[in-house]
Protein backbone atom coordinates (compact mmCIF):
# COMPACT_ATOMS: atom_id res chain seq x y z
CA MET A 1 117.29 112.04 8.63
CA PHE A 2 120.13 112.87 10.12
CA GLU A 3 123.45 110.06 9.59
CA PRO A 4 125.26 108.25 12.77
CA GLN A 5 127.68 110.54 12.30
CA ALA A 6 126.24 113.57 12.60
CA LEU A 7 124.30 112.08 15.59
CA ILE A 8 127.35 111.48 17.42
CA GLY A 9 128.63 114.75 16.55
CA LEU A 10 125.61 116.58 18.10
CA GLY A 11 125.82 114.51 21.33
CA VAL A 12 129.30 115.04 21.37
CA ALA A 13 128.68 118.59 21.37
CA VAL A 14 125.53 118.77 23.91
CA GLY A 15 127.90 116.73 25.91
CA GLY A 16 130.73 118.58 25.60
CA GLY A 17 128.90 121.60 26.32
CA LEU A 18 127.50 119.85 29.84
CA LEU A 19 130.88 119.23 31.58
CA ILE A 20 132.55 122.99 30.40
CA GLY A 21 129.03 124.66 31.61
CA LEU A 22 129.52 121.99 35.22
CA GLU A 23 132.50 123.56 35.66
CA ARG A 24 131.29 127.20 35.28
CA GLU A 25 127.79 126.54 36.86
CA ARG A 26 129.97 126.24 40.12
CA ARG A 27 132.12 128.77 39.46
CA LYS A 28 129.02 130.90 39.10
CA GLU A 29 127.43 129.50 42.83
CA GLU A 30 131.27 130.96 43.88
CA ARG A 31 131.72 133.92 42.27
CA GLY A 32 128.45 134.98 40.87
CA GLY A 33 128.01 134.90 36.97
CA ASP A 34 125.53 134.93 34.20
CA ALA A 35 126.25 131.60 31.90
CA GLY A 36 126.07 128.25 33.52
CA LEU A 37 124.92 124.91 33.30
CA ARG A 38 122.15 124.93 30.28
CA SER A 39 123.36 128.13 28.44
CA PHE A 40 126.68 125.95 27.77
CA ALA A 41 124.85 122.92 26.41
CA VAL A 42 122.58 125.51 24.31
CA ALA A 43 126.01 126.93 22.54
CA GLY A 44 127.35 123.47 21.71
CA LEU A 45 124.06 122.65 20.90
CA THR A 46 123.87 125.74 18.40
CA GLY A 47 127.52 125.35 17.23
CA ALA A 48 126.49 121.73 16.11
CA LEU A 49 123.30 122.69 14.37
CA ALA A 50 125.14 125.52 12.46
CA GLN A 51 127.44 123.33 10.85
CA HIS A 52 124.46 122.20 9.43
CA ARG A 53 124.26 125.63 7.41
CA PRO A 54 127.17 126.62 6.17
CA GLU A 55 125.44 130.35 6.06
CA LEU A 56 124.52 130.33 9.99
CA LEU A 57 127.69 129.88 11.20
CA ALA A 58 128.97 133.52 10.80
CA VAL A 59 125.37 134.42 12.17
CA GLY A 60 125.92 132.17 15.06
CA ALA A 61 129.26 133.13 15.77
CA LEU A 62 128.46 137.17 16.12
CA PHE A 63 125.80 135.83 17.92
CA ILE A 64 127.23 134.23 20.81
CA ALA A 65 130.39 137.00 21.02
CA VAL A 66 127.24 139.51 21.24
CA LEU A 67 125.69 137.47 24.35
CA ALA A 68 129.62 137.08 26.52
CA ALA A 69 129.85 140.23 25.26
CA LEU A 70 126.71 142.00 26.70
CA ALA A 71 126.94 139.20 29.75
CA TYR A 72 130.17 140.67 30.54
CA TRP A 73 129.26 144.74 30.66
CA ARG A 74 126.17 144.06 32.23
CA ASN A 75 128.63 143.82 35.63
CA PRO A 76 130.75 146.72 34.97
CA GLY A 77 131.26 146.99 38.54
CA ARG A 78 132.09 143.44 39.58
CA ASP A 79 135.94 142.06 39.61
CA ARG A 80 135.87 139.56 37.18
CA GLY A 81 137.44 138.27 33.71
CA MET A 82 136.67 137.22 30.68
CA THR A 83 137.11 133.65 31.16
CA THR A 84 133.75 132.35 31.09
CA GLU A 85 132.39 134.52 28.01
CA LEU A 86 135.32 133.17 26.17
CA ALA A 87 134.62 130.18 27.54
CA LEU A 88 131.10 130.41 26.12
CA PHE A 89 132.13 131.23 22.91
CA ALA A 90 135.26 128.33 22.80
CA THR A 91 132.02 125.81 23.53
CA PHE A 92 129.92 127.12 20.04
CA LEU A 93 132.78 126.53 18.13
CA ILE A 94 134.20 123.02 20.00
CA GLY A 95 130.45 122.10 19.17
CA VAL A 96 130.64 123.22 15.62
CA GLN A 97 134.02 121.07 15.44
CA ALA A 98 132.39 117.94 17.07
CA VAL A 99 129.98 117.35 14.52
CA SER A 100 132.58 116.74 11.73
CA GLN A 101 135.45 115.37 14.30
CA PRO A 102 133.74 113.89 17.04
CA ALA A 103 136.57 112.65 18.61
CA LEU A 104 138.81 115.95 18.30
CA GLY A 105 135.53 117.80 19.91
CA ALA A 106 135.89 116.23 22.55
CA ALA A 107 138.67 116.30 23.28
CA CYS A 108 139.02 120.08 23.14
CA ALA A 109 135.68 120.11 25.21
CA ALA A 110 137.29 118.36 28.17
CA GLY A 111 140.76 119.93 27.74
CA LEU A 112 138.86 123.30 28.23
CA ALA A 113 136.94 121.92 31.01
CA LEU A 114 140.11 120.96 32.32
CA LEU A 115 142.09 123.78 31.82
CA LEU A 116 138.87 126.14 33.55
CA ALA A 117 139.14 123.56 36.57
CA ALA A 118 142.79 124.71 37.16
CA ARG A 119 142.20 127.80 37.53
CA GLU A 120 143.56 128.24 41.18
CA ARG A 121 146.15 125.90 40.74
CA LEU A 122 147.69 127.35 37.59
CA HIS A 123 147.48 130.87 39.13
CA ARG A 124 149.22 129.11 42.53
CA PHE A 125 151.87 128.12 39.76
CA ALA A 126 151.80 130.96 37.42
CA THR A 127 152.08 133.39 41.19
CA LEU A 128 153.97 131.32 43.70
CA GLY A 129 155.86 128.45 42.05
CA LEU A 130 157.72 131.01 39.41
CA SER A 131 160.43 132.63 40.05
CA GLU A 132 160.86 135.56 37.67
CA GLN A 133 163.82 134.32 36.57
CA GLU A 134 162.33 130.86 35.84
CA LEU A 135 159.26 132.76 34.08
CA HIS A 136 161.97 134.71 31.67
CA ASP A 137 163.98 131.34 31.06
CA GLY A 138 161.06 129.28 30.40
CA LEU A 139 159.77 132.07 28.10
CA LEU A 140 163.10 132.25 25.83
CA LEU A 141 162.98 128.56 25.67
CA ALA A 142 159.25 128.86 24.19
CA ALA A 143 160.98 131.58 21.69
CA LEU A 144 164.17 129.71 20.62
CA THR A 145 161.62 126.14 20.48
CA LEU A 146 159.29 128.02 18.21
CA ILE A 147 161.22 130.56 16.36
CA ALA A 148 164.58 129.08 15.83
CA LEU A 149 164.44 126.02 15.87
CA PRO A 150 162.00 125.38 12.57
CA LEU A 151 164.17 127.89 10.76
CA ILE A 152 167.21 125.61 10.85
CA PRO A 153 167.56 123.06 7.97
CA ALA A 154 165.89 119.85 8.67
CA GLY A 155 167.80 117.90 6.03
CA PRO A 156 171.24 116.35 6.10
CA LEU A 157 174.02 118.32 5.89
CA PRO A 158 177.13 117.87 3.26
CA TRP A 159 179.65 119.45 5.84
CA LEU A 160 178.33 117.74 8.59
CA GLY A 161 178.79 114.28 7.06
CA GLY A 162 175.55 113.63 6.38
CA ILE A 163 174.11 114.85 9.53
CA SER A 164 170.80 116.93 10.39
CA ALA A 165 171.83 119.90 11.75
CA ARG A 166 168.25 120.15 13.58
CA PRO A 167 168.35 117.37 15.94
CA LEU A 168 171.67 119.16 16.97
CA ALA A 169 169.53 122.27 17.76
CA ALA A 170 167.15 120.07 19.32
CA LEU A 171 169.64 118.71 21.71
CA VAL A 172 170.96 122.05 22.75
CA LEU A 173 166.81 122.96 23.52
CA LEU A 174 166.50 119.93 25.78
CA ILE A 175 170.05 120.43 28.02
CA MET A 176 168.61 123.68 28.52
CA ALA A 177 165.58 122.82 29.16
CA LEU A 178 166.05 120.22 31.23
CA GLN A 179 168.70 122.75 33.17
CA ALA A 180 165.58 124.96 33.65
CA ALA A 181 163.32 122.09 34.88
CA GLY A 182 165.94 120.67 37.62
CA GLN A 183 166.38 123.98 39.39
CA VAL A 184 162.62 124.14 39.76
CA ALA A 185 162.37 120.85 40.50
CA MET A 186 165.67 121.35 43.51
CA ARG A 187 163.21 124.14 44.78
CA ARG A 188 159.60 122.94 45.16
CA MET A 189 160.72 119.18 46.36
CA GLY A 190 164.01 120.03 48.19
CA ALA A 191 167.28 120.24 47.01
CA ASP A 192 168.12 116.43 47.09
CA ALA A 193 165.05 114.39 46.37
CA GLY A 194 163.85 117.20 43.35
CA LEU A 195 167.45 116.53 41.58
CA LEU A 196 167.73 112.74 41.92
CA ILE A 197 163.41 112.45 40.44
CA SER A 198 163.66 115.34 37.99
CA ALA A 199 167.37 113.34 36.83
CA LEU A 200 165.73 110.19 36.76
CA PHE A 201 162.68 111.22 34.55
CA SER A 202 164.94 113.13 32.20
CA GLY A 203 167.08 110.44 31.75
CA PHE A 204 163.97 108.75 29.95
CA VAL A 205 164.27 111.69 27.40
CA SER A 206 168.05 111.81 27.35
CA SER A 207 171.01 110.34 29.86
CA THR A 208 173.58 112.09 28.05
CA ALA A 209 171.42 115.44 28.24
CA THR A 210 170.67 115.44 31.69
CA ILE A 211 174.50 114.49 32.30
CA ALA A 212 175.40 117.08 30.57
CA SER A 213 172.78 119.64 32.19
CA LEU A 214 173.89 118.85 35.87
CA GLY A 215 177.60 119.04 34.17
CA SER A 216 177.10 122.48 34.08
CA ARG A 217 176.03 123.15 37.14
CA ALA A 218 178.72 121.22 38.76
CA ARG A 219 181.30 123.48 36.97
CA ALA A 220 179.59 126.74 37.70
CA ASP A 221 179.33 125.51 41.92
CA ALA A 222 182.64 122.96 42.27
CA GLY A 223 181.21 122.52 45.87
CA HIS A 224 178.51 120.49 44.73
CA ALA A 225 179.80 118.33 42.32
CA GLY A 226 179.39 115.15 43.95
CA ALA A 227 175.91 115.80 45.01
CA LEU A 228 175.18 116.52 41.26
CA ALA A 229 176.69 113.43 40.37
CA ARG A 230 174.21 111.45 42.44
CA GLY A 231 171.76 112.86 39.94
CA GLY A 232 173.94 111.70 36.98
CA ALA A 233 174.46 108.61 37.89
CA MET A 234 170.43 107.88 38.31
CA SER A 235 169.99 109.64 35.10
CA THR A 236 171.85 106.07 34.14
CA VAL A 237 168.95 104.05 35.96
CA ALA A 238 166.36 105.38 32.68
CA THR A 239 168.61 103.85 30.21
CA TRP A 240 168.55 100.50 31.81
CA LEU A 241 164.57 100.42 32.22
CA GLN A 242 163.82 101.85 28.78
CA ALA A 243 166.40 99.29 27.33
CA LEU A 244 164.02 96.69 29.45
CA VAL A 245 160.83 98.19 27.66
CA MET A 246 161.97 98.37 24.02
CA VAL A 247 162.69 94.71 24.66
CA THR A 248 158.89 94.06 26.29
CA ALA A 249 157.68 96.09 23.69
CA LEU A 250 159.06 94.33 20.60
CA ALA A 251 160.75 91.45 21.72
CA PRO A 252 158.78 90.20 24.65
CA ALA A 253 159.81 86.21 23.91
CA ALA A 254 163.34 87.41 24.88
CA LEU A 255 162.36 88.58 28.28
CA PRO A 256 163.68 85.28 30.63
CA THR A 257 167.37 85.70 29.17
CA VAL A 258 167.22 89.45 28.98
CA ALA A 259 165.18 91.10 32.05
CA LEU A 260 167.64 89.73 35.05
CA PRO A 261 171.27 91.19 34.10
CA VAL A 262 168.93 94.47 33.06
CA LEU A 263 166.79 95.13 35.82
CA LEU A 264 170.12 94.51 38.35
CA GLY A 265 172.02 96.91 36.14
CA ALA A 266 169.11 99.40 36.78
CA ALA A 267 168.92 98.19 40.77
CA SER A 268 173.53 98.52 41.03
CA ALA A 269 172.87 102.37 39.21
CA ALA A 270 170.43 103.31 41.29
CA ALA A 271 172.58 101.84 44.26
CA LEU A 272 175.52 103.99 43.53
CA ALA A 273 173.65 106.69 42.94
CA LEU A 274 172.09 106.74 46.28
CA LEU A 275 175.03 105.59 48.17
CA GLY A 276 176.98 109.36 48.31
CA ARG A 277 173.95 110.73 50.20
CA ASN A 278 175.47 110.00 53.02
CA GLY A 279 178.01 112.53 51.97
CA GLN A 280 177.66 115.64 50.45
CA HIS A 281 174.61 117.38 50.21
CA LEU A 282 173.14 119.91 48.31
CA SER A 283 172.01 123.22 49.81
CA ALA A 284 168.74 124.71 49.24
CA VAL A 285 168.50 125.76 45.74
CA GLN A 286 168.66 129.92 45.70
CA GLU A 287 169.95 131.30 42.13
CA LYS A 288 170.15 134.48 41.55
CA GLY A 289 171.28 134.29 37.46
CA SER A 290 169.70 132.05 34.52
CA ALA A 291 169.45 128.15 34.95
CA LEU A 292 170.09 128.21 31.20
CA ARG A 293 173.77 127.52 30.07
CA PRO A 294 174.19 127.21 26.14
CA ARG A 295 177.55 127.25 26.54
CA GLU A 296 177.98 123.94 27.81
CA ALA A 297 175.13 122.64 26.14
CA LEU A 298 176.63 123.66 22.83
CA LEU A 299 179.78 121.87 24.15
CA VAL A 300 177.88 118.53 24.50
CA ALA A 301 176.19 118.78 20.95
CA VAL A 302 179.29 119.71 19.22
CA PHE A 303 180.69 116.42 20.71
CA LEU A 304 177.55 114.89 19.34
CA ALA A 305 178.00 115.55 16.42
CA GLY A 306 181.67 114.69 15.78
CA VAL A 307 180.49 110.97 17.09
CA ALA A 308 178.30 111.04 14.66
CA TRP A 309 180.36 111.95 11.55
CA ALA A 310 182.98 109.33 12.81
CA VAL A 311 180.43 107.08 12.43
CA THR A 312 179.21 108.01 9.20
CA GLN A 313 182.78 108.01 7.81
CA ALA A 314 183.70 104.18 9.32
CA ARG A 315 180.80 102.94 7.68
CA ALA A 316 181.19 104.47 4.24
CA ALA A 317 184.87 103.42 4.94
CA PHE A 318 184.43 100.17 5.91
CA GLY A 319 181.01 99.00 5.43
CA ALA A 320 179.17 96.33 7.80
CA SER A 321 181.80 94.24 9.70
CA GLY A 322 179.25 92.85 11.77
CA LEU A 323 176.30 93.09 13.89
CA LEU A 324 177.63 93.84 17.29
CA ALA A 325 180.47 95.93 15.48
CA GLY A 326 177.64 98.35 13.85
CA VAL A 327 175.96 97.87 17.15
CA GLY A 328 178.41 99.62 19.08
CA ILE A 329 179.34 102.24 16.47
CA SER A 330 175.79 102.76 16.22
CA ALA A 331 175.63 103.10 20.16
CA LEU A 332 178.51 105.47 20.25
CA ALA A 333 175.59 108.65 19.68
CA ASP A 334 172.67 107.01 20.68
CA ALA A 335 172.04 103.20 23.17
CA HIS A 336 168.36 102.90 21.95
CA ALA A 337 168.71 102.92 18.84
CA PRO A 338 170.30 100.15 18.04
CA VAL A 339 168.89 98.40 20.98
CA ALA A 340 165.44 98.40 18.93
CA SER A 341 166.64 97.24 15.71
CA LEU A 342 168.27 93.86 17.56
CA ALA A 343 165.26 93.52 19.63
CA ALA A 344 163.08 94.06 15.86
CA LEU A 345 165.36 91.19 14.11
CA HIS A 346 164.90 88.97 17.47
CA ALA A 347 161.00 89.43 16.86
CA ALA A 348 161.51 88.40 13.07
CA GLY A 349 163.39 85.28 13.72
CA GLN A 350 166.88 87.00 12.91
CA ILE A 351 168.62 86.32 15.99
CA GLN A 352 168.56 84.67 18.90
CA ALA A 353 168.06 85.90 22.29
CA PRO A 354 171.77 85.33 23.60
CA LEU A 355 172.73 87.92 21.26
CA LEU A 356 170.28 90.18 21.65
CA LEU A 357 171.26 90.28 24.90
CA GLN A 358 174.80 90.39 24.12
CA GLY A 359 174.06 93.39 21.65
CA VAL A 360 171.87 95.36 24.52
CA LEU A 361 174.96 94.91 27.17
CA LEU A 362 177.30 96.64 24.16
CA ALA A 363 175.19 99.13 23.51
CA ILE A 364 174.67 100.36 27.18
CA GLY A 365 178.63 100.14 27.62
CA THR A 366 179.36 101.88 24.61
CA ASN A 367 176.84 104.22 25.26
CA SER A 368 178.56 104.87 28.22
CA LEU A 369 181.88 105.36 26.95
CA THR A 370 179.82 108.76 25.63
CA ARG A 371 178.44 109.90 28.32
CA MET A 372 181.64 109.56 30.56
CA VAL A 373 183.43 111.81 28.17
CA VAL A 374 179.96 114.02 27.83
CA ALA A 375 180.12 114.49 32.07
CA TRP A 376 183.99 115.57 31.80
CA VAL A 377 183.70 117.94 29.59
CA ALA A 378 180.13 119.15 31.23
CA GLY A 379 181.33 118.78 34.23
CA GLY A 380 184.63 118.29 34.94
CA TRP A 381 187.18 115.55 36.53
CA VAL A 382 185.55 115.61 39.92
CA TYR A 383 182.07 115.16 38.56
CA ALA A 384 182.63 112.72 35.38
CA ARG A 385 184.55 110.38 37.94
CA ARG A 386 181.43 109.69 40.27
CA VAL A 387 179.17 109.68 37.21
CA ALA A 388 181.69 106.89 35.48
CA ALA A 389 181.81 104.93 38.74
CA ALA A 390 177.49 104.47 38.35
CA LEU A 391 177.74 103.91 34.55
CA VAL A 392 181.16 101.14 34.75
CA GLY A 393 179.49 99.71 37.98
CA SER A 394 175.81 98.87 36.92
CA TRP A 395 177.46 97.75 33.44
CA VAL A 396 180.13 95.53 35.20
CA VAL A 397 177.07 93.76 37.24
CA ALA A 398 174.91 92.91 34.36
CA VAL A 399 178.08 91.72 32.65
CA GLY A 400 178.56 89.51 35.39
CA VAL A 401 174.85 88.44 35.70
CA ALA A 402 174.74 87.76 32.29
CA TRP A 403 177.78 85.42 31.84
CA GLY A 404 176.71 83.54 35.06
CA LEU A 405 173.55 83.04 33.90
CA SER A 406 175.20 81.34 30.44
CA ARG A 407 176.93 79.08 32.12
CA PHE A 408 174.20 77.17 34.05
């Protein structure tokens, strides 16, 4: 008698085969083919049964591979790829996996079915959605991420004041990735709308990196510095919203105190970003060269490394001179790490909600200083001035609301 785990695995193997086969059956009706719903279900079941007899694994895999090859060569004159044949063999392997790890097998089956169903969309994206230069940029970023980044030391380096070099290298790659993604978004969605939307969502990854990425574009194209500054300002909305999400997740009891100032800070940042739309607009993006600008990304990483080094030295020299002082120092490099720490302290009952709100405002305000310097380093004075207006304006609104609430 099979154990319950084995029965679950068999069910996942057959269900995954049916799911993949359903997509292939529809494709079979459209373009012809040999393997359909039943073939894929049998392939998944065969893999699951072979798992119970290890000596049959190689035989079963070879048998499925031979069947797939025969199906391909039976129609040599037809213009067809090998997707169905490869999917049939993959379904056998999913059946093998499903017995020992049903959840992973089910995830693989669903992912493969989704990949097969997205054929037309992927084809349009590969041939029409990306330019030749954008494809080159994407491949270069993938190579740097998968080959170069793992070679950089992950541990702390004494000559960097105990800072790890790998996160700094990852930040450089992140800024370059945002540069490329911003260009694609602006070309596909329209210059102005694409800029604002991509900047907002990139801000959840890193507002500092987004400001640096757009700043590098502003330095290269000074005529559009004001329009690009709107995107930098829009990324600051994400900073406020992410802080609110952290408080909601870690210290929900503090929301009545924290929510209104933070939400109005986000709203004012969005308003300041959108106000400039009555003025300068981006023209259509027609980049002839690469969107990647590693020099500006390296400058930002060097600046942040200097900030982190200064923080390390200050802590070593003076120690913890108070909770808010520590928050202010830490926020020079990252606004959300001290917010998360304060929220955890509130959840543990060590600080009250008003002190948590003060810490959130201090962290975002201090980090705004870093982002203003980054904007100036990456994009120049015109770009930095307009980004700074959103950073300072939203912070002043949030502080004013918090002060007003404290008076009641």
